[in-house]
PDB file of N, CA and C in Angstrom:
ATOM      1  N   UNK A   1       0.910  -1.177   0.029  1.00  0.00           N
ATOM      2  CA  UNK A   1       0.037  -0.008  -0.005  1.00  0.00           C
ATOM      3  C   UNK A   1       0.903   1.212   0.039  1.00  0.00           C
ATOM      4  N   UNK A   2       0.614   2.125  -0.898  1.00  0.00           N
ATOM      5  CA  UNK A   2       1.386   3.397  -0.939  1.00  0.00           C
ATOM      6  C   UNK A   2       1.012   4.361   0.240  1.00  0.00           C
ATOM      7  N   UNK A   3       2.017   4.735   0.943  1.00  0.00           N
ATOM      8  CA  UNK A   3       1.838   5.793   2.007  1.00  0.00           C
ATOM      9  C   UNK A   3       2.127   7.141   1.448  1.00  0.00           C
ATOM     10  N   UNK A   4       3.026   7.218   0.572  1.00  0.00           N
ATOM     11  CA  UNK A   4       3.485   8.454  -0.069  1.00  0.00           C
ATOM     12  C   UNK A   4       4.104   8.210  -1.389  1.00  0.00           C
ATOM     13  N   UNK A   5       3.865   9.096  -2.468  1.00  0.00           N
ATOM     14  CA  UNK A   5       4.552   8.900  -3.756  1.00  0.00           C
ATOM     15  C   UNK A   5       4.957  10.369  -4.140  1.00  0.00           C
ATOM     16  N   UNK A   6       6.148  10.411  -4.770  1.00  0.00           N
ATOM     17  CA  UNK A   6       6.681  11.598  -5.236  1.00  0.00           C
ATOM     18  C   UNK A   6       7.147  11.369  -6.625  1.00  0.00           C
ATOM     19  N   UNK A   7       6.173  11.390  -7.584  1.00  0.00           N
ATOM     20  CA  UNK A   7       6.554  10.985  -9.002  1.00  0.00           C
ATOM     21  C   UNK A   7       6.563  12.221  -9.925  1.00  0.00           C
ATOM     22  N   UNK A   8       7.497  12.242 -10.864  1.00  0.00           N
ATOM     23  CA  UNK A   8       7.589  13.290 -11.806  1.00  0.00           C
ATOM     24  C   UNK A   8       7.341  12.613 -13.178  1.00  0.00           C
ATOM     25  N   UNK A   9       6.326  13.149 -13.864  1.00  0.00           N
ATOM     26  CA  UNK A   9       6.039  12.650 -15.234  1.00  0.00           C
ATOM     27  C   UNK A   9       6.819  13.429 -16.217  1.00  0.00           C
ATOM     28  N   UNK A  10       7.765  12.761 -16.934  1.00  0.00           N
ATOM     29  CA  UNK A  10       8.706  13.441 -17.781  1.00  0.00           C
ATOM     30  C   UNK A  10       8.318  13.521 -19.217  1.00  0.00           C
ATOM     31  N   UNK A  11       7.536  12.544 -19.713  1.00  0.00           N
ATOM     32  CA  UNK A  11       7.239  12.519 -21.206  1.00  0.00           C
ATOM     33  C   UNK A  11       5.854  11.721 -21.281  1.00  0.00           C
ATOM     34  N   UNK A  12       5.121  11.974 -22.441  1.00  0.00           N
ATOM     35  CA  UNK A  12       3.862  11.318 -22.578  1.00  0.00           C
ATOM     36  C   UNK A  12       4.120   9.815 -22.861  1.00  0.00           C
ATOM     37  N   UNK A  13       3.007   9.022 -22.629  1.00  0.00           N
ATOM     38  CA  UNK A  13       2.902   7.722 -23.080  1.00  0.00           C
ATOM     39  C   UNK A  13       1.542   7.636 -23.851  1.00  0.00           C
ATOM     40  N   UNK A  14       1.658   7.143 -25.046  1.00  0.00           N
ATOM     41  CA  UNK A  14       0.567   7.153 -26.000  1.00  0.00           C
ATOM     42  C   UNK A  14       0.031   5.711 -26.226  1.00  0.00           C
ATOM     43  N   UNK A  15      -1.161   5.510 -26.654  1.00  0.00           N
ATOM     44  CA  UNK A  15      -1.669   4.139 -27.032  1.00  0.00           C
ATOM     45  C   UNK A  15      -0.721   3.467 -27.970  1.00  0.00           C
ATOM     46  N   UNK A  16      -0.364   2.227 -27.688  1.00  0.00           N
ATOM     47  CA  UNK A  16       0.559   1.497 -28.517  1.00  0.00           C
ATOM     48  C   UNK A  16       2.011   1.603 -28.009  1.00  0.00           C
ATOM     49  N   UNK A  17       2.365   2.470 -27.125  1.00  0.00           N
ATOM     50  CA  UNK A  17       3.746   2.506 -26.597  1.00  0.00           C
ATOM     51  C   UNK A  17       3.872   1.266 -25.630  1.00  0.00           C
ATOM     52  N   UNK A  18       5.088   0.772 -25.684  1.00  0.00           N
ATOM     53  CA  UNK A  18       5.530  -0.352 -24.741  1.00  0.00           C
ATOM     54  C   UNK A  18       6.313   0.279 -23.644  1.00  0.00           C
ATOM     55  N   UNK A  19       5.938   0.134 -22.390  1.00  0.00           N
ATOM     56  CA  UNK A  19       6.614   0.742 -21.303  1.00  0.00           C
ATOM     57  C   UNK A  19       7.150  -0.398 -20.305  1.00  0.00           C
ATOM     58  N   UNK A  20       8.261  -0.097 -19.620  1.00  0.00           N
ATOM     59  CA  UNK A  20       8.681  -1.037 -18.636  1.00  0.00           C
ATOM     60  C   UNK A  20       8.913  -0.268 -17.337  1.00  0.00           C
ATOM     61  N   UNK A  21       8.436  -0.817 -16.184  1.00  0.00           N
ATOM     62  CA  UNK A  21       8.573  -0.292 -14.921  1.00  0.00           C
ATOM     63  C   UNK A  21       9.642  -0.893 -14.153  1.00  0.00           C
ATOM     64  N   UNK A  22      10.408  -0.104 -13.427  1.00  0.00           N
ATOM     65  CA  UNK A  22      11.502  -0.645 -12.593  1.00  0.00           C
ATOM     66  C   UNK A  22      11.357  -0.089 -11.209  1.00  0.00           C
ATOM     67  N   UNK A  23      11.519  -0.891 -10.234  1.00  0.00           N
ATOM     68  CA  UNK A  23      11.498  -0.465  -8.790  1.00  0.00           C
ATOM     69  C   UNK A  23      12.688  -1.018  -8.071  1.00  0.00           C
ATOM     70  N   UNK A  24      13.282  -0.096  -7.305  1.00  0.00           N
ATOM     71  CA  UNK A  24      14.567  -0.467  -6.624  1.00  0.00           C
ATOM     72  C   UNK A  24      14.208  -0.174  -5.050  1.00  0.00           C
ATOM     73  N   UNK A  25      14.401  -1.160  -4.226  1.00  0.00           N
ATOM     74  CA  UNK A  25      14.230  -0.912  -2.817  1.00  0.00           C
ATOM     75  C   UNK A  25      15.351  -0.083  -2.231  1.00  0.00           C
ATOM     76  N   UNK A  26      15.299   1.031  -1.754  1.00  0.00           N
ATOM     77  CA  UNK A  26      16.263   1.839  -1.293  1.00  0.00           C
ATOM     78  C   UNK A  26      16.543   1.813   0.218  1.00  0.00           C
ATOM     79  N   UNK A  27      15.416   1.504   0.938  1.00  0.00           N
ATOM     80  CA  UNK A  27      15.668   1.353   2.401  1.00  0.00           C
ATOM     81  C   UNK A  27      14.435   0.556   2.885  1.00  0.00           C
ATOM     82  N   UNK A  28      14.705  -0.184   4.047  1.00  0.00           N
ATOM     83  CA  UNK A  28      13.698  -0.939   4.708  1.00  0.00           C
ATOM     84  C   UNK A  28      13.842  -0.632   6.250  1.00  0.00           C
ATOM     85  N   UNK A  29      12.757  -0.261   6.840  1.00  0.00           N
ATOM     86  CA  UNK A  29      12.740   0.053   8.191  1.00  0.00           C
ATOM     87  C   UNK A  29      12.719  -1.244   9.013  1.00  0.00           C
ATOM     88  N   UNK A  30      13.571  -1.333  10.096  1.00  0.00           N
ATOM     89  CA  UNK A  30      13.576  -2.439  10.933  1.00  0.00           C
ATOM     90  C   UNK A  30      12.492  -2.608  11.961  1.00  0.00           C
ATOM     91  N   UNK A  31      11.907  -1.358  12.250  1.00  0.00           N
ATOM     92  CA  UNK A  31      10.857  -1.389  13.367  1.00  0.00           C
ATOM     93  C   UNK A  31       9.491  -1.536  12.852  1.00  0.00           C
ATOM     94  N   UNK A  32       9.319  -1.330  11.435  1.00  0.00           N
ATOM     95  CA  UNK A  32       7.914  -1.375  10.880  1.00  0.00           C
ATOM     96  C   UNK A  32       8.083  -1.947   9.455  1.00  0.00           C
ATOM     97  N   UNK A  33       6.962  -2.544   8.952  1.00  0.00           N
ATOM     98  CA  UNK A  33       7.063  -3.016   7.588  1.00  0.00           C
ATOM     99  C   UNK A  33       6.895  -1.983   6.548  1.00  0.00           C
ATOM    100  N   UNK A  34       7.801  -1.092   6.526  1.00  0.00           N
ATOM    101  CA  UNK A  34       7.793  -0.018   5.643  1.00  0.00           C
ATOM    102  C   UNK A  34       9.072   0.068   4.739  1.00  0.00           C
ATOM    103  N   UNK A  35       8.902   0.260   3.454  1.00  0.00           N
ATOM    104  CA  UNK A  35      10.034   0.289   2.488  1.00  0.00           C
ATOM    105  C   UNK A  35       9.968   1.648   1.720  1.00  0.00           C
ATOM    106  N   UNK A  36      11.200   2.048   1.355  1.00  0.00           N
ATOM    107  CA  UNK A  36      11.239   3.155   0.470  1.00  0.00           C
ATOM    108  C   UNK A  36      11.722   2.662  -0.875  1.00  0.00           C
ATOM    109  N   UNK A  37      11.135   3.209  -1.901  1.00  0.00           N
ATOM    110  CA  UNK A  37      11.391   2.716  -3.292  1.00  0.00           C
ATOM    111  C   UNK A  37      11.820   3.788  -4.304  1.00  0.00           C
ATOM    112  N   UNK A  38      12.743   3.483  -5.176  1.00  0.00           N
ATOM    113  CA  UNK A  38      12.966   4.373  -6.348  1.00  0.00           C
ATOM    114  C   UNK A  38      12.208   3.747  -7.466  1.00  0.00           C
ATOM    115  N   UNK A  39      11.377   4.573  -8.162  1.00  0.00           N
ATOM    116  CA  UNK A  39      10.568   4.126  -9.273  1.00  0.00           C
ATOM    117  C   UNK A  39      10.946   4.778 -10.633  1.00  0.00           C
ATOM    118  N   UNK A  40      10.976   4.038 -11.662  1.00  0.00           N
ATOM    119  CA  UNK A  40      11.323   4.470 -13.004  1.00  0.00           C
ATOM    120  C   UNK A  40      10.412   3.762 -13.981  1.00  0.00           C
ATOM    121  N   UNK A  41       9.765   4.515 -14.948  1.00  0.00           N
ATOM    122  CA  UNK A  41       9.088   3.900 -16.105  1.00  0.00           C
ATOM    123  C   UNK A  41       9.757   4.503 -17.369  1.00  0.00           C
ATOM    124  N   UNK A  42      10.089   3.427 -18.166  1.00  0.00           N
ATOM    125  CA  UNK A  42      10.838   3.834 -19.506  1.00  0.00           C
ATOM    126  C   UNK A  42      10.041   3.357 -20.667  1.00  0.00           C
ATOM    127  N   UNK A  43       9.892   4.222 -21.679  1.00  0.00           N
ATOM    128  CA  UNK A  43       9.232   3.881 -22.926  1.00  0.00           C
ATOM    129  C   UNK A  43      10.271   2.949 -23.724  1.00  0.00           C
ATOM    130  N   UNK A  44       9.679   2.232 -24.738  1.00  0.00           N
ATOM    131  CA  UNK A  44      10.507   1.337 -25.516  1.00  0.00           C
ATOM    132  C   UNK A  44      11.600   1.994 -26.342  1.00  0.00           C
ATOM    133  N   UNK A  45      11.556   3.287 -26.551  1.00  0.00           N
ATOM    134  CA  UNK A  45      12.556   4.021 -27.303  1.00  0.00           C
ATOM    135  C   UNK A  45      13.615   4.525 -26.207  1.00  0.00           C
ATOM    136  N   UNK A  46      13.556   4.159 -24.982  1.00  0.00           N
ATOM    137  CA  UNK A  46      14.537   4.539 -23.976  1.00  0.00           C
ATOM    138  C   UNK A  46      14.333   5.746 -23.257  1.00  0.00           C
ATOM    139  N   UNK A  47      13.196   6.470 -23.535  1.00  0.00           N
ATOM    140  CA  UNK A  47      12.781   7.738 -22.873  1.00  0.00           C
ATOM    141  C   UNK A  47      12.280   7.358 -21.497  1.00  0.00           C
ATOM    142  N   UNK A  48      12.736   7.979 -20.541  1.00  0.00           N
ATOM    143  CA  UNK A  48      12.190   7.964 -19.110  1.00  0.00           C
ATOM    144  C   UNK A  48      10.966   8.759 -19.172  1.00  0.00           C
ATOM    145  N   UNK A  49       9.820   8.119 -18.821  1.00  0.00           N
ATOM    146  CA  UNK A  49       8.518   8.779 -18.797  1.00  0.00           C
ATOM    147  C   UNK A  49       8.032   9.156 -17.354  1.00  0.00           C
ATOM    148  N   UNK A  50       8.659   8.472 -16.438  1.00  0.00           N
ATOM    149  CA  UNK A  50       8.310   8.755 -15.089  1.00  0.00           C
ATOM    150  C   UNK A  50       9.487   8.358 -14.106  1.00  0.00           C
ATOM    151  N   UNK A  51       9.783   9.166 -13.165  1.00  0.00           N
ATOM    152  CA  UNK A  51      10.769   8.752 -12.126  1.00  0.00           C
ATOM    153  C   UNK A  51      10.378   9.425 -10.848  1.00  0.00           C
ATOM    154  N   UNK A  52      10.787   8.773  -9.722  1.00  0.00           N
ATOM    155  CA  UNK A  52      10.523   9.319  -8.396  1.00  0.00           C
ATOM    156  C   UNK A  52      10.728   8.328  -7.332  1.00  0.00           C
ATOM    157  N   UNK A  53      10.020   8.537  -6.224  1.00  0.00           N
ATOM    158  CA  UNK A  53      10.211   7.677  -5.089  1.00  0.00           C
ATOM    159  C   UNK A  53       8.797   7.418  -4.547  1.00  0.00           C
ATOM    160  N   UNK A  54       8.795   6.324  -3.686  1.00  0.00           N
ATOM    161  CA  UNK A  54       7.537   5.946  -3.073  1.00  0.00           C
ATOM    162  C   UNK A  54       7.885   5.287  -1.704  1.00  0.00           C
ATOM    163  N   UNK A  55       7.010   5.558  -0.765  1.00  0.00           N
ATOM    164  CA  UNK A  55       7.050   4.892   0.534  1.00  0.00           C
ATOM    165  C   UNK A  55       5.837   3.977   0.716  1.00  0.00           C
ATOM    166  N   UNK A  56       6.080   2.710   0.987  1.00  0.00           N
ATOM    167  CA  UNK A  56       5.078   1.622   1.011  1.00  0.00           C
ATOM    168  C   UNK A  56       5.003   0.903   2.382  1.00  0.00           C
ATOM    169  N   UNK A  57       3.826   0.632   2.726  1.00  0.00           N
ATOM    170  CA  UNK A  57       3.505  -0.386   3.793  1.00  0.00           C
ATOM    171  C   UNK A  57       3.608  -1.694   3.115  1.00  0.00           C
ATOM    172  N   UNK A  58       4.431  -2.639   3.690  1.00  0.00           N
ATOM    173  CA  UNK A  58       4.605  -3.939   3.039  1.00  0.00           C
ATOM    174  C   UNK A  58       4.029  -5.021   3.947  1.00  0.00           C
ATOM    175  N   UNK A  59       2.903  -5.559   3.550  1.00  0.00           N
ATOM    176  CA  UNK A  59       2.157  -6.506   4.285  1.00  0.00           C
ATOM    177  C   UNK A  59       2.681  -7.851   3.900  1.00  0.00           C
ATOM    178  N   UNK A  60       2.684  -8.706   4.891  1.00  0.00           N
ATOM    179  CA  UNK A  60       2.990 -10.101   4.745  1.00  0.00           C
ATOM    180  C   UNK A  60       1.933 -10.782   3.787  1.00  0.00           C
ATOM    181  N   UNK A  61       2.424 -11.243   2.614  1.00  0.00           N
ATOM    182  CA  UNK A  61       1.441 -11.855   1.715  1.00  0.00           C
ATOM    183  C   UNK A  61       1.200 -13.267   1.940  1.00  0.00           C
ATOM    184  N   UNK A  62       1.706 -13.859   2.927  1.00  0.00           N
ATOM    185  CA  UNK A  62       1.624 -15.306   3.166  1.00  0.00           C
ATOM    186  C   UNK A  62       0.078 -15.587   3.496  1.00  0.00           C
ATOM    187  N   UNK A  63      -0.692 -14.597   3.781  1.00  0.00           N
ATOM    188  CA  UNK A  63      -2.145 -14.728   4.176  1.00  0.00           C
ATOM    189  C   UNK A  63      -2.952 -14.684   2.897  1.00  0.00           C
ATOM    190  N   UNK A  64      -2.391 -14.411   1.700  1.00  0.00           N
ATOM    191  CA  UNK A  64      -3.184 -14.322   0.446  1.00  0.00           C
ATOM    192  C   UNK A  64      -3.839 -15.618   0.243  1.00  0.00           C
ATOM    193  N   UNK A  65      -5.157 -15.555  -0.012  1.00  0.00           N
ATOM    194  CA  UNK A  65      -5.914 -16.792  -0.269  1.00  0.00           C
ATOM    195  C   UNK A  65      -6.435 -17.407   0.908  1.00  0.00           C
ATOM    196  N   UNK A  66      -5.961 -17.049   2.133  1.00  0.00           N
ATOM    197  CA  UNK A  66      -6.434 -17.556   3.367  1.00  0.00           C
ATOM    198  C   UNK A  66      -7.795 -16.888   3.657  1.00  0.00           C
ATOM    199  N   UNK A  67      -8.835 -17.673   3.924  1.00  0.00           N
ATOM    200  CA  UNK A  67     -10.106 -16.972   4.164  1.00  0.00           C
ATOM    201  C   UNK A  67     -10.210 -16.207   5.449  1.00  0.00           C
ATOM    202  N   UNK A  68      -9.351 -16.453   6.385  1.00  0.00           N
ATOM    203  CA  UNK A  68      -9.384 -15.707   7.715  1.00  0.00           C
ATOM    204  C   UNK A  68      -7.954 -15.362   8.063  1.00  0.00           C
ATOM    205  N   UNK A  69      -7.331 -14.380   7.301  1.00  0.00           N
ATOM    206  CA  UNK A  69      -5.934 -13.993   7.692  1.00  0.00           C
ATOM    207  C   UNK A  69      -5.943 -13.207   9.036  1.00  0.00           C
ATOM    208  N   UNK A  70      -4.855 -13.365   9.726  1.00  0.00           N
ATOM    209  CA  UNK A  70      -4.673 -12.671  10.986  1.00  0.00           C
ATOM    210  C   UNK A  70      -3.818 -11.490  10.735  1.00  0.00           C
ATOM    211  N   UNK A  71      -4.265 -10.347  10.967  1.00  0.00           N
ATOM    212  CA  UNK A  71      -3.537  -9.082  10.709  1.00  0.00           C
ATOM    213  C   UNK A  71      -2.704  -8.790  11.992  1.00  0.00           C
ATOM    214  N   UNK A  72      -1.473  -8.159  11.732  1.00  0.00           N
ATOM    215  CA  UNK A  72      -0.637  -7.883  12.925  1.00  0.00           C
ATOM    216  C   UNK A  72      -1.239  -6.837  13.783  1.00  0.00           C
ATOM    217  N   UNK A  73      -0.968  -7.034  15.038  1.00  0.00           N
ATOM    218  CA  UNK A  73      -1.561  -6.046  16.086  1.00  0.00           C
ATOM    219  C   UNK A  73      -0.641  -4.846  16.218  1.00  0.00           C
ATOM    220  N   UNK A  74      -1.291  -3.747  16.452  1.00  0.00           N
ATOM    221  CA  UNK A  74      -0.566  -2.494  16.657  1.00  0.00           C
ATOM    222  C   UNK A  74      -0.003  -2.421  17.995  1.00  0.00           C
ATOM    223  N   UNK A  75       1.275  -2.081  18.156  1.00  0.00           N
ATOM    224  CA  UNK A  75       1.821  -2.024  19.497  1.00  0.00           C
ATOM    225  C   UNK A  75       1.225  -0.881  20.313  1.00  0.00           C
ATOM    226  N   UNK A  76       1.108  -1.185  21.654  1.00  0.00           N
ATOM    227  CA  UNK A  76       0.521  -0.217  22.644  1.00  0.00           C
ATOM    228  C   UNK A  76      -0.910  -0.126  22.507  1.00  0.00           C
TER     229      UNK A  76
END
């Protein structure tokens, strides 16, 4: 889940364009399941069409498909 995004749209993407998204994890908090990401989207001609950063809450996906997942409890 995105907690914050800071994206800069650099160039247009038009119907028929092929784009590739890349994400790099730049930091992981040890006290909470929160990661910081560097994000880049590149058009097939090599043009960067989006770049920026994002902060995400990273939930344990082992419960995907479980009809009754147990969510982590908040401290305090």
